[in-house]
Amino acid sequence: MRLNEIKDKHGSRKERVRIGRGIGSGIGKTGGRGGKGQTARTGVAIGGFEGGQMPLHRRLPKRGFNKWRRKDYNEVNVGALQQAIDDKRLDAGKPVDIEALVAAGIVRRPKDGLRLLGSGEITAKLTLTVDHASGTAKAAIEKAGGSIKLIEKKVLAADEAKRKKSAAKKSTSTTKKPAGDSSEE
């Protein structure tokens, strides 16, 4: 073998098909683009058209990064609670829940519950009933001598019941004596 005899493997270099170069080429006239109309032109933007069938992007549900069945909570800062107490709209001696906040005009409507946030200062001793509370909010309320009661959701209670049931099932299965064990004889 000599250097002048070296060739590429057969089929390794394929020439580009030159379309629109006459009848004899097999890809002449319309150049593989079919008949007339939009798709025969450049810059076609029909993407996703499936011949009248409902396109895939419309058959699939729109979920993405949005939580399904997400709850919409009222968010109240501890500073807003102190402001309402200073303005005599909220009584510090009574328990504070979402209904009391609606009555005081701090929130407009109950929505799905109440989330307490820790922005601002609070000096009043409050007894709060909320769905969620941030760590800073809990610390601020407890520092002022108040207390926070979190509303336990039914879903969480049902989930806890399932966990207890499965734990009980596991403990009974481990305490059962295997068949054929004659250690008590």
N, C-alpha and C. Protein backbone atom coordinates (compact mmCIF):
# COMPACT_ATOMS: atom_id res chain seq x y z
N MET A 1 0.84 -1.19 0.00
CA MET A 1 0.00 0.00 0.00
C MET A 1 0.88 1.25 0.00
N ARG A 2 0.49 2.21 -0.80
CA ARG A 2 1.24 3.46 -0.88
C ARG A 2 0.33 4.63 -0.48
N LEU A 3 0.95 5.73 -0.17
CA LEU A 3 0.20 6.91 0.24
C LEU A 3 -0.78 7.38 -0.83
N ASN A 4 -0.40 7.21 -2.10
CA ASN A 4 -1.30 7.66 -3.16
C ASN A 4 -2.46 6.69 -3.40
N GLU A 5 -2.43 5.55 -2.72
CA GLU A 5 -3.52 4.57 -2.87
C GLU A 5 -4.52 4.64 -1.71
N ILE A 6 -4.24 5.47 -0.70
CA ILE A 6 -5.13 5.57 0.47
C ILE A 6 -6.41 6.28 0.06
N LYS A 7 -7.54 5.66 0.39
CA LYS A 7 -8.85 6.24 0.08
C LYS A 7 -9.74 6.15 1.31
N ASP A 8 -10.75 6.97 1.34
CA ASP A 8 -11.76 6.86 2.40
C ASP A 8 -12.56 5.60 2.17
N LYS A 9 -13.18 5.11 3.24
CA LYS A 9 -14.05 3.95 3.10
C LYS A 9 -15.22 4.32 2.23
N HIS A 10 -15.73 3.38 1.49
CA HIS A 10 -16.85 3.63 0.59
C HIS A 10 -18.08 4.04 1.40
N GLY A 11 -18.67 5.17 1.07
CA GLY A 11 -19.86 5.66 1.76
C GLY A 11 -19.57 6.62 2.90
N SER A 12 -18.30 6.84 3.21
CA SER A 12 -17.98 7.73 4.32
C SER A 12 -18.16 9.20 3.94
N ARG A 13 -17.98 9.51 2.70
CA ARG A 13 -18.19 10.88 2.24
C ARG A 13 -19.34 10.89 1.26
N LYS A 14 -20.44 11.51 1.71
CA LYS A 14 -21.62 11.53 0.86
C LYS A 14 -21.82 12.96 0.37
N GLU A 15 -22.03 13.12 -0.90
CA GLU A 15 -22.23 14.46 -1.44
C GLU A 15 -23.62 14.95 -1.12
N ARG A 16 -23.73 16.24 -0.88
CA ARG A 16 -25.01 16.86 -0.57
C ARG A 16 -25.92 16.77 -1.78
N VAL A 17 -27.22 16.46 -1.54
CA VAL A 17 -28.18 16.40 -2.64
C VAL A 17 -28.51 17.83 -3.04
N ARG A 18 -28.34 18.13 -4.31
CA ARG A 18 -28.65 19.49 -4.81
C ARG A 18 -30.05 19.47 -5.38
N ILE A 19 -30.98 20.07 -4.61
CA ILE A 19 -32.38 20.02 -5.03
C ILE A 19 -32.70 21.14 -6.01
N GLY A 20 -33.77 20.92 -6.76
CA GLY A 20 -34.23 21.93 -7.72
C GLY A 20 -33.31 22.06 -8.91
N ARG A 21 -32.71 20.93 -9.37
CA ARG A 21 -31.78 21.00 -10.50
C ARG A 21 -32.30 20.17 -11.67
N GLY A 22 -33.56 20.27 -11.96
CA GLY A 22 -34.12 19.61 -13.16
C GLY A 22 -34.80 18.29 -12.86
N ILE A 23 -35.59 17.84 -13.87
CA ILE A 23 -36.38 16.62 -13.74
C ILE A 23 -35.51 15.41 -13.47
N GLY A 24 -34.37 15.32 -14.15
CA GLY A 24 -33.50 14.15 -14.06
C GLY A 24 -32.93 13.91 -12.67
N SER A 25 -32.87 14.95 -11.85
CA SER A 25 -32.28 14.78 -10.52
C SER A 25 -33.22 14.03 -9.58
N GLY A 26 -34.52 14.02 -9.91
CA GLY A 26 -35.49 13.38 -9.03
C GLY A 26 -36.01 14.33 -7.97
N ILE A 27 -35.31 15.42 -7.73
CA ILE A 27 -35.78 16.42 -6.78
C ILE A 27 -35.75 17.78 -7.48
N GLY A 28 -36.39 17.83 -8.63
CA GLY A 28 -36.44 19.07 -9.39
C GLY A 28 -37.77 19.77 -9.17
N LYS A 29 -38.09 20.71 -9.98
CA LYS A 29 -39.33 21.48 -9.96
C LYS A 29 -39.66 22.03 -8.57
N THR A 30 -40.46 21.32 -7.76
CA THR A 30 -40.86 21.86 -6.45
C THR A 30 -39.78 21.63 -5.39
N GLY A 31 -38.75 20.87 -5.70
CA GLY A 31 -37.62 20.68 -4.78
C GLY A 31 -37.99 19.96 -3.50
N GLY A 32 -38.91 19.00 -3.59
CA GLY A 32 -39.28 18.22 -2.40
C GLY A 32 -40.22 18.93 -1.46
N ARG A 33 -40.77 20.08 -1.89
CA ARG A 33 -41.66 20.85 -1.02
C ARG A 33 -43.14 20.68 -1.37
N GLY A 34 -43.45 19.76 -2.24
CA GLY A 34 -44.86 19.52 -2.57
C GLY A 34 -45.43 20.60 -3.46
N GLY A 35 -46.72 20.87 -3.27
CA GLY A 35 -47.43 21.82 -4.15
C GLY A 35 -47.28 23.25 -3.71
N LYS A 36 -48.37 24.00 -3.90
CA LYS A 36 -48.31 25.44 -3.58
C LYS A 36 -48.63 25.70 -2.11
N GLY A 37 -48.72 26.93 -1.77
CA GLY A 37 -49.18 27.30 -0.43
C GLY A 37 -48.08 27.63 0.55
N GLN A 38 -48.51 27.78 1.80
CA GLN A 38 -47.62 28.27 2.85
C GLN A 38 -46.41 27.37 3.04
N THR A 39 -46.62 26.06 3.05
CA THR A 39 -45.52 25.15 3.34
C THR A 39 -44.51 25.04 2.21
N ALA A 40 -44.83 25.55 1.04
CA ALA A 40 -43.88 25.56 -0.07
C ALA A 40 -42.92 26.74 0.04
N ARG A 41 -43.24 27.67 0.94
CA ARG A 41 -42.41 28.87 1.10
C ARG A 41 -41.44 28.70 2.27
N THR A 42 -40.50 29.62 2.37
CA THR A 42 -39.59 29.61 3.52
C THR A 42 -40.27 30.33 4.68
N GLY A 43 -39.77 30.08 5.89
CA GLY A 43 -40.30 30.77 7.07
C GLY A 43 -41.67 30.28 7.50
N VAL A 44 -41.96 28.99 7.30
CA VAL A 44 -43.27 28.44 7.68
C VAL A 44 -43.34 28.29 9.19
N ALA A 45 -44.45 28.70 9.79
CA ALA A 45 -44.60 28.58 11.24
C ALA A 45 -45.89 27.89 11.61
N ILE A 46 -46.11 26.70 11.05
CA ILE A 46 -47.33 25.96 11.37
C ILE A 46 -47.10 25.08 12.59
N GLY A 47 -45.86 24.83 13.00
CA GLY A 47 -45.46 23.91 14.05
C GLY A 47 -46.54 23.34 14.93
N GLY A 48 -46.65 22.04 15.02
CA GLY A 48 -47.62 21.41 15.89
C GLY A 48 -48.92 21.07 15.22
N PHE A 49 -49.09 21.39 13.95
CA PHE A 49 -50.34 21.08 13.26
C PHE A 49 -50.36 19.60 12.92
N GLU A 50 -51.43 18.92 13.34
CA GLU A 50 -51.53 17.48 13.14
C GLU A 50 -52.70 17.11 12.24
N GLY A 51 -52.91 17.88 11.21
CA GLY A 51 -53.96 17.55 10.24
C GLY A 51 -55.36 17.65 10.78
N GLY A 52 -55.61 18.53 11.72
CA GLY A 52 -56.96 18.68 12.26
C GLY A 52 -57.16 17.93 13.57
N GLN A 53 -56.31 16.93 13.82
CA GLN A 53 -56.36 16.23 15.11
C GLN A 53 -55.92 17.20 16.19
N MET A 54 -56.46 17.06 17.40
CA MET A 54 -56.09 17.95 18.50
C MET A 54 -54.58 17.80 18.78
N PRO A 55 -53.81 18.87 18.64
CA PRO A 55 -52.35 18.77 18.78
C PRO A 55 -51.93 18.32 20.18
N LEU A 56 -50.77 17.71 20.24
CA LEU A 56 -50.26 17.18 21.49
C LEU A 56 -50.15 18.25 22.56
N HIS A 57 -49.69 19.42 22.20
CA HIS A 57 -49.51 20.48 23.19
C HIS A 57 -50.83 20.99 23.74
N ARG A 58 -51.93 20.70 23.07
CA ARG A 58 -53.25 21.08 23.60
C ARG A 58 -53.93 19.91 24.30
N ARG A 59 -53.47 18.68 24.02
CA ARG A 59 -54.06 17.51 24.70
C ARG A 59 -53.53 17.37 26.12
N LEU A 60 -52.30 17.83 26.36
CA LEU A 60 -51.69 17.66 27.68
C LEU A 60 -52.12 18.78 28.62
N PRO A 61 -52.28 18.47 29.91
CA PRO A 61 -52.71 19.51 30.86
C PRO A 61 -51.61 20.52 31.13
N LYS A 62 -52.04 21.74 31.48
CA LYS A 62 -51.09 22.80 31.79
C LYS A 62 -50.80 22.74 33.28
N ARG A 63 -49.65 22.16 33.64
CA ARG A 63 -49.26 22.12 35.04
C ARG A 63 -47.96 22.87 35.21
N GLY A 64 -46.91 22.42 34.56
CA GLY A 64 -45.64 23.12 34.62
C GLY A 64 -45.11 23.21 36.03
N PHE A 65 -44.66 24.39 36.43
CA PHE A 65 -44.09 24.57 37.75
C PHE A 65 -45.09 25.20 38.71
N ASN A 66 -46.36 25.20 38.35
CA ASN A 66 -47.38 25.73 39.23
C ASN A 66 -47.98 24.59 40.03
N LYS A 67 -48.04 24.76 41.33
CA LYS A 67 -48.55 23.70 42.19
C LYS A 67 -50.03 23.49 41.89
N TRP A 68 -50.40 22.21 41.76
CA TRP A 68 -51.78 21.85 41.48
C TRP A 68 -52.58 21.96 42.75
N ARG A 69 -53.73 22.59 42.71
CA ARG A 69 -54.60 22.81 43.87
C ARG A 69 -53.88 23.59 44.97
N ARG A 70 -53.10 24.58 44.58
CA ARG A 70 -52.38 25.35 45.59
C ARG A 70 -53.34 26.21 46.39
N LYS A 71 -53.01 26.42 47.63
CA LYS A 71 -53.83 27.22 48.53
C LYS A 71 -53.37 28.68 48.45
N ASP A 72 -54.35 29.58 48.61
CA ASP A 72 -54.05 31.00 48.60
C ASP A 72 -54.28 31.54 50.01
N TYR A 73 -53.20 31.82 50.72
CA TYR A 73 -53.30 32.26 52.10
C TYR A 73 -53.19 33.77 52.22
N ASN A 74 -53.85 34.31 53.26
CA ASN A 74 -53.62 35.70 53.63
C ASN A 74 -52.30 35.76 54.37
N GLU A 75 -51.47 36.74 54.04
CA GLU A 75 -50.19 36.89 54.72
C GLU A 75 -50.23 38.16 55.56
N VAL A 76 -49.96 37.99 56.86
CA VAL A 76 -50.01 39.12 57.79
C VAL A 76 -48.70 39.15 58.57
N ASN A 77 -48.09 40.33 58.65
CA ASN A 77 -46.87 40.51 59.43
C ASN A 77 -47.22 40.86 60.87
N VAL A 78 -46.32 40.51 61.79
CA VAL A 78 -46.56 40.81 63.21
C VAL A 78 -46.61 42.32 63.44
N GLY A 79 -45.89 43.06 62.61
CA GLY A 79 -45.93 44.53 62.71
C GLY A 79 -47.32 45.08 62.42
N ALA A 80 -48.03 44.46 61.47
CA ALA A 80 -49.40 44.90 61.14
C ALA A 80 -50.35 44.60 62.30
N LEU A 81 -50.12 43.49 63.01
CA LEU A 81 -50.94 43.16 64.18
C LEU A 81 -50.73 44.21 65.28
N GLN A 82 -49.47 44.59 65.52
CA GLN A 82 -49.17 45.59 66.54
C GLN A 82 -49.78 46.95 66.17
N GLN A 83 -49.74 47.29 64.88
CA GLN A 83 -50.33 48.55 64.41
C GLN A 83 -51.83 48.56 64.65
N ALA A 84 -52.50 47.42 64.39
CA ALA A 84 -53.95 47.31 64.61
C ALA A 84 -54.29 47.41 66.09
N ILE A 85 -53.44 46.85 66.96
CA ILE A 85 -53.66 46.94 68.41
C ILE A 85 -53.48 48.39 68.87
N ASP A 86 -52.46 49.06 68.33
CA ASP A 86 -52.22 50.48 68.67
C ASP A 86 -53.37 51.37 68.20
N ASP A 87 -53.99 51.03 67.07
CA ASP A 87 -55.11 51.80 66.52
C ASP A 87 -56.45 51.40 67.15
N LYS A 88 -56.43 50.48 68.12
CA LYS A 88 -57.62 49.99 68.82
C LYS A 88 -58.60 49.27 67.91
N ARG A 89 -58.09 48.70 66.81
CA ARG A 89 -58.94 47.89 65.92
C ARG A 89 -58.96 46.44 66.35
N LEU A 90 -57.94 46.02 67.09
CA LEU A 90 -57.79 44.64 67.51
C LEU A 90 -57.58 44.60 69.01
N ASP A 91 -58.30 43.70 69.69
CA ASP A 91 -58.19 43.58 71.14
C ASP A 91 -57.15 42.51 71.47
N ALA A 92 -56.11 42.90 72.20
CA ALA A 92 -55.03 41.98 72.53
C ALA A 92 -55.47 40.93 73.55
N GLY A 93 -56.51 41.21 74.31
CA GLY A 93 -56.97 40.28 75.34
C GLY A 93 -57.73 39.09 74.77
N LYS A 94 -58.30 39.24 73.59
CA LYS A 94 -59.08 38.15 72.99
C LYS A 94 -58.22 37.32 72.04
N PRO A 95 -58.62 36.05 71.81
CA PRO A 95 -57.87 35.24 70.84
C PRO A 95 -57.99 35.82 69.43
N VAL A 96 -56.89 35.79 68.69
CA VAL A 96 -56.87 36.36 67.34
C VAL A 96 -56.84 35.22 66.32
N ASP A 97 -57.85 35.21 65.44
CA ASP A 97 -57.89 34.26 64.33
C ASP A 97 -58.29 35.01 63.07
N ILE A 98 -58.55 34.28 62.00
CA ILE A 98 -58.84 34.93 60.70
C ILE A 98 -60.11 35.79 60.76
N GLU A 99 -61.12 35.32 61.51
CA GLU A 99 -62.38 36.09 61.62
C GLU A 99 -62.15 37.42 62.33
N ALA A 100 -61.31 37.41 63.38
CA ALA A 100 -61.00 38.64 64.11
C ALA A 100 -60.24 39.62 63.22
N LEU A 101 -59.35 39.09 62.37
CA LEU A 101 -58.59 39.96 61.47
C LEU A 101 -59.46 40.56 60.38
N VAL A 102 -60.46 39.80 59.90
CA VAL A 102 -61.41 40.32 58.91
C VAL A 102 -62.24 41.42 59.55
N ALA A 103 -62.70 41.18 60.78
CA ALA A 103 -63.51 42.17 61.50
C ALA A 103 -62.71 43.45 61.77
N ALA A 104 -61.42 43.29 62.04
CA ALA A 104 -60.56 44.45 62.31
C ALA A 104 -60.16 45.18 61.04
N GLY A 105 -60.37 44.57 59.88
CA GLY A 105 -60.03 45.20 58.61
C GLY A 105 -58.57 45.01 58.21
N ILE A 106 -57.89 44.06 58.85
CA ILE A 106 -56.49 43.80 58.50
C ILE A 106 -56.41 42.99 57.22
N VAL A 107 -57.31 42.01 57.07
CA VAL A 107 -57.44 41.26 55.82
C VAL A 107 -58.85 41.45 55.28
N ARG A 108 -59.00 41.37 53.98
CA ARG A 108 -60.29 41.64 53.37
C ARG A 108 -61.24 40.45 53.45
N ARG A 109 -60.71 39.25 53.14
CA ARG A 109 -61.54 38.04 53.17
C ARG A 109 -60.70 36.86 53.64
N PRO A 110 -61.32 35.80 54.15
CA PRO A 110 -60.56 34.70 54.75
C PRO A 110 -59.67 33.91 53.79
N LYS A 111 -60.02 33.79 52.52
CA LYS A 111 -59.28 32.97 51.55
C LYS A 111 -59.14 31.53 52.08
N ASP A 112 -57.94 30.91 51.94
CA ASP A 112 -57.76 29.52 52.38
C ASP A 112 -57.12 29.42 53.76
N GLY A 113 -56.87 30.53 54.39
CA GLY A 113 -56.27 30.50 55.72
C GLY A 113 -55.36 31.69 55.95
N LEU A 114 -54.55 31.58 57.00
CA LEU A 114 -53.71 32.70 57.42
C LEU A 114 -52.27 32.24 57.60
N ARG A 115 -51.33 33.02 57.06
CA ARG A 115 -49.91 32.76 57.22
C ARG A 115 -49.31 33.97 57.93
N LEU A 116 -48.68 33.72 59.06
CA LEU A 116 -48.09 34.80 59.86
C LEU A 116 -46.62 34.95 59.52
N LEU A 117 -46.21 36.19 59.21
CA LEU A 117 -44.83 36.48 58.85
C LEU A 117 -44.21 37.38 59.91
N GLY A 118 -42.88 37.37 60.00
CA GLY A 118 -42.19 38.02 61.11
C GLY A 118 -41.67 39.42 60.91
N SER A 119 -42.14 40.15 59.91
CA SER A 119 -41.63 41.50 59.68
C SER A 119 -42.27 42.48 60.65
N GLY A 120 -41.47 43.31 61.27
CA GLY A 120 -41.97 44.31 62.20
C GLY A 120 -41.78 43.89 63.64
N GLU A 121 -42.16 44.77 64.56
CA GLU A 121 -42.02 44.54 66.00
C GLU A 121 -43.39 44.34 66.63
N ILE A 122 -43.43 43.51 67.67
CA ILE A 122 -44.68 43.32 68.42
C ILE A 122 -44.36 43.31 69.90
N THR A 123 -45.21 44.02 70.67
CA THR A 123 -45.03 44.09 72.12
C THR A 123 -46.23 43.52 72.85
N ALA A 124 -47.37 43.41 72.19
CA ALA A 124 -48.59 42.92 72.82
C ALA A 124 -48.56 41.41 72.97
N LYS A 125 -49.18 40.94 74.05
CA LYS A 125 -49.28 39.50 74.32
C LYS A 125 -50.52 38.98 73.61
N LEU A 126 -50.32 38.18 72.57
CA LEU A 126 -51.44 37.70 71.76
C LEU A 126 -51.55 36.18 71.79
N THR A 127 -52.78 35.70 71.64
CA THR A 127 -53.03 34.27 71.45
C THR A 127 -53.55 34.12 70.02
N LEU A 128 -52.72 33.58 69.15
CA LEU A 128 -53.04 33.50 67.72
C LEU A 128 -53.40 32.09 67.30
N THR A 129 -54.34 31.98 66.34
CA THR A 129 -54.66 30.71 65.70
C THR A 129 -54.46 30.92 64.21
N VAL A 130 -53.41 30.28 63.65
CA VAL A 130 -53.05 30.47 62.25
C VAL A 130 -52.80 29.13 61.57
N ASP A 131 -52.74 29.17 60.23
CA ASP A 131 -52.43 27.95 59.46
C ASP A 131 -50.93 27.71 59.39
N HIS A 132 -50.17 28.80 59.20
CA HIS A 132 -48.70 28.71 59.11
C HIS A 132 -48.11 29.90 59.84
N ALA A 133 -46.90 29.73 60.35
CA ALA A 133 -46.18 30.84 60.96
C ALA A 133 -44.69 30.65 60.69
N SER A 134 -44.04 31.73 60.27
CA SER A 134 -42.59 31.65 60.02
C SER A 134 -41.86 31.57 61.35
N GLY A 135 -40.61 31.14 61.30
CA GLY A 135 -39.81 31.01 62.52
C GLY A 135 -39.62 32.33 63.23
N THR A 136 -39.39 33.40 62.46
CA THR A 136 -39.20 34.72 63.06
C THR A 136 -40.49 35.23 63.71
N ALA A 137 -41.64 34.91 63.10
CA ALA A 137 -42.93 35.31 63.65
C ALA A 137 -43.18 34.59 64.98
N LYS A 138 -42.90 33.27 65.00
CA LYS A 138 -43.07 32.50 66.25
C LYS A 138 -42.19 33.07 67.36
N ALA A 139 -40.93 33.36 67.00
CA ALA A 139 -39.99 33.90 67.99
C ALA A 139 -40.46 35.25 68.53
N ALA A 140 -40.97 36.11 67.65
CA ALA A 140 -41.42 37.44 68.06
C ALA A 140 -42.64 37.36 68.98
N ILE A 141 -43.59 36.49 68.65
CA ILE A 141 -44.80 36.34 69.46
C ILE A 141 -44.45 35.76 70.84
N GLU A 142 -43.59 34.73 70.86
CA GLU A 142 -43.21 34.12 72.14
C GLU A 142 -42.36 35.06 72.99
N LYS A 143 -41.56 35.91 72.35
CA LYS A 143 -40.74 36.89 73.07
C LYS A 143 -41.64 37.92 73.78
N ALA A 144 -42.77 38.26 73.11
CA ALA A 144 -43.71 39.22 73.68
C ALA A 144 -44.61 38.57 74.74
N GLY A 145 -44.50 37.25 74.91
CA GLY A 145 -45.29 36.55 75.93
C GLY A 145 -46.57 35.92 75.39
N GLY A 146 -46.73 35.91 74.07
CA GLY A 146 -47.93 35.33 73.46
C GLY A 146 -47.74 33.87 73.08
N SER A 147 -48.76 33.34 72.41
CA SER A 147 -48.68 31.94 71.97
C SER A 147 -49.32 31.80 70.59
N ILE A 148 -48.86 30.78 69.85
CA ILE A 148 -49.38 30.51 68.51
C ILE A 148 -49.91 29.08 68.47
N LYS A 149 -51.14 28.94 68.00
CA LYS A 149 -51.72 27.61 67.81
C LYS A 149 -51.87 27.41 66.31
N LEU A 150 -51.23 26.34 65.79
CA LEU A 150 -51.31 26.03 64.37
C LEU A 150 -52.51 25.14 64.11
N ILE A 151 -53.27 25.47 63.06
CA ILE A 151 -54.43 24.67 62.68
C ILE A 151 -53.93 23.43 61.97
N GLU A 152 -54.29 22.26 62.49
CA GLU A 152 -53.85 21.01 61.87
C GLU A 152 -54.84 20.65 60.77
N LYS A 153 -54.29 20.36 59.60
CA LYS A 153 -55.13 20.04 58.44
C LYS A 153 -55.59 18.60 58.50
N LYS A 154 -56.78 18.34 57.93
CA LYS A 154 -57.34 16.98 57.90
C LYS A 154 -56.45 16.05 57.09
N VAL A 155 -55.87 16.58 56.03
CA VAL A 155 -55.01 15.76 55.17
C VAL A 155 -53.82 15.26 55.97
N LEU A 156 -53.24 16.15 56.78
CA LEU A 156 -52.10 15.77 57.60
C LEU A 156 -52.51 14.73 58.64
N ALA A 157 -53.70 14.90 59.22
CA ALA A 157 -54.18 13.94 60.22
C ALA A 157 -54.38 12.57 59.59
N ALA A 158 -54.96 12.54 58.39
CA ALA A 158 -55.17 11.27 57.68
C ALA A 158 -53.84 10.62 57.33
N ASP A 159 -52.87 11.44 56.93
CA ASP A 159 -51.54 10.94 56.60
C ASP A 159 -50.86 10.36 57.84
N GLU A 160 -51.04 11.03 58.98
CA GLU A 160 -50.48 10.56 60.25
C GLU A 160 -51.11 9.24 60.66
N ALA A 161 -52.41 9.10 60.44
CA ALA A 161 -53.11 7.85 60.77
C ALA A 161 -52.57 6.70 59.92
N LYS A 162 -52.31 6.97 58.65
CA LYS A 162 -51.73 5.95 57.77
C LYS A 162 -50.36 5.52 58.27
N ARG A 163 -49.54 6.50 58.66
CA ARG A 163 -48.20 6.20 59.16
C ARG A 163 -48.26 5.34 60.41
N LYS A 164 -49.17 5.67 61.33
CA LYS A 164 -49.32 4.90 62.57
C LYS A 164 -49.75 3.47 62.26
N LYS A 165 -50.69 3.33 61.32
CA LYS A 165 -51.20 2.01 60.95
C LYS A 165 -50.08 1.15 60.36
N SER A 166 -49.27 1.73 59.46
CA SER A 166 -48.19 0.97 58.84
C SER A 166 -47.10 0.64 59.86
N ALA A 167 -46.85 1.55 60.82
CA ALA A 167 -45.87 1.28 61.88
C ALA A 167 -46.35 0.15 62.78
N ALA A 168 -47.66 0.14 63.08
CA ALA A 168 -48.23 -0.93 63.91
C ALA A 168 -48.15 -2.27 63.19
N LYS A 169 -48.40 -2.24 61.88
CA LYS A 169 -48.34 -3.47 61.09
C LYS A 169 -46.92 -4.02 61.07
N LYS A 170 -45.93 -3.14 60.94
CA LYS A 170 -44.54 -3.56 60.93
C LYS A 170 -44.12 -4.15 62.27
N SER A 171 -44.57 -3.51 63.37
CA SER A 171 -44.18 -3.99 64.69
C SER A 171 -44.80 -5.36 65.00
N THR A 172 -46.04 -5.60 64.53
CA THR A 172 -46.66 -6.91 64.77
C THR A 172 -46.00 -7.99 63.93
N SER A 173 -45.55 -7.64 62.73
CA SER A 173 -44.90 -8.63 61.88
C SER A 173 -43.52 -9.01 62.41
N THR A 174 -42.84 -8.08 63.08
CA THR A 174 -41.51 -8.39 63.62
C THR A 174 -41.60 -9.15 64.94
N THR A 175 -42.70 -8.97 65.70
CA THR A 175 -42.84 -9.65 66.98
C THR A 175 -43.39 -11.07 66.85
N LYS A 176 -43.98 -11.40 65.72
CA LYS A 176 -44.51 -12.76 65.52
C LYS A 176 -43.37 -13.75 65.47
N LYS A 177 -43.61 -14.91 66.09
CA LYS A 177 -42.60 -15.96 66.13
C LYS A 177 -42.66 -16.75 64.81
N PRO A 178 -41.52 -16.96 64.16
CA PRO A 178 -41.54 -17.71 62.91
C PRO A 178 -41.96 -19.16 63.14
N ALA A 179 -42.59 -19.75 62.12
CA ALA A 179 -43.08 -21.13 62.21
C ALA A 179 -41.89 -22.08 62.33
N GLY A 180 -42.05 -23.11 63.17
CA GLY A 180 -41.01 -24.10 63.33
C GLY A 180 -39.98 -23.74 64.39
N ASP A 181 -40.19 -22.59 65.07
CA ASP A 181 -39.26 -22.17 66.12
C ASP A 181 -39.67 -22.88 67.41
N SER A 182 -38.81 -23.68 67.95
CA SER A 182 -39.14 -24.44 69.16
C SER A 182 -38.18 -24.09 70.30
N SER A 183 -37.99 -22.80 70.53
CA SER A 183 -37.05 -22.37 71.55
C SER A 183 -37.63 -22.49 72.96
N GLU A 184 -38.99 -22.58 73.10
CA GLU A 184 -39.63 -22.64 74.41
C GLU A 184 -39.67 -24.07 74.95
N GLU A 185 -39.29 -25.08 74.23
CA GLU A 185 -39.38 -26.47 74.67
C GLU A 185 -38.34 -26.81 75.69
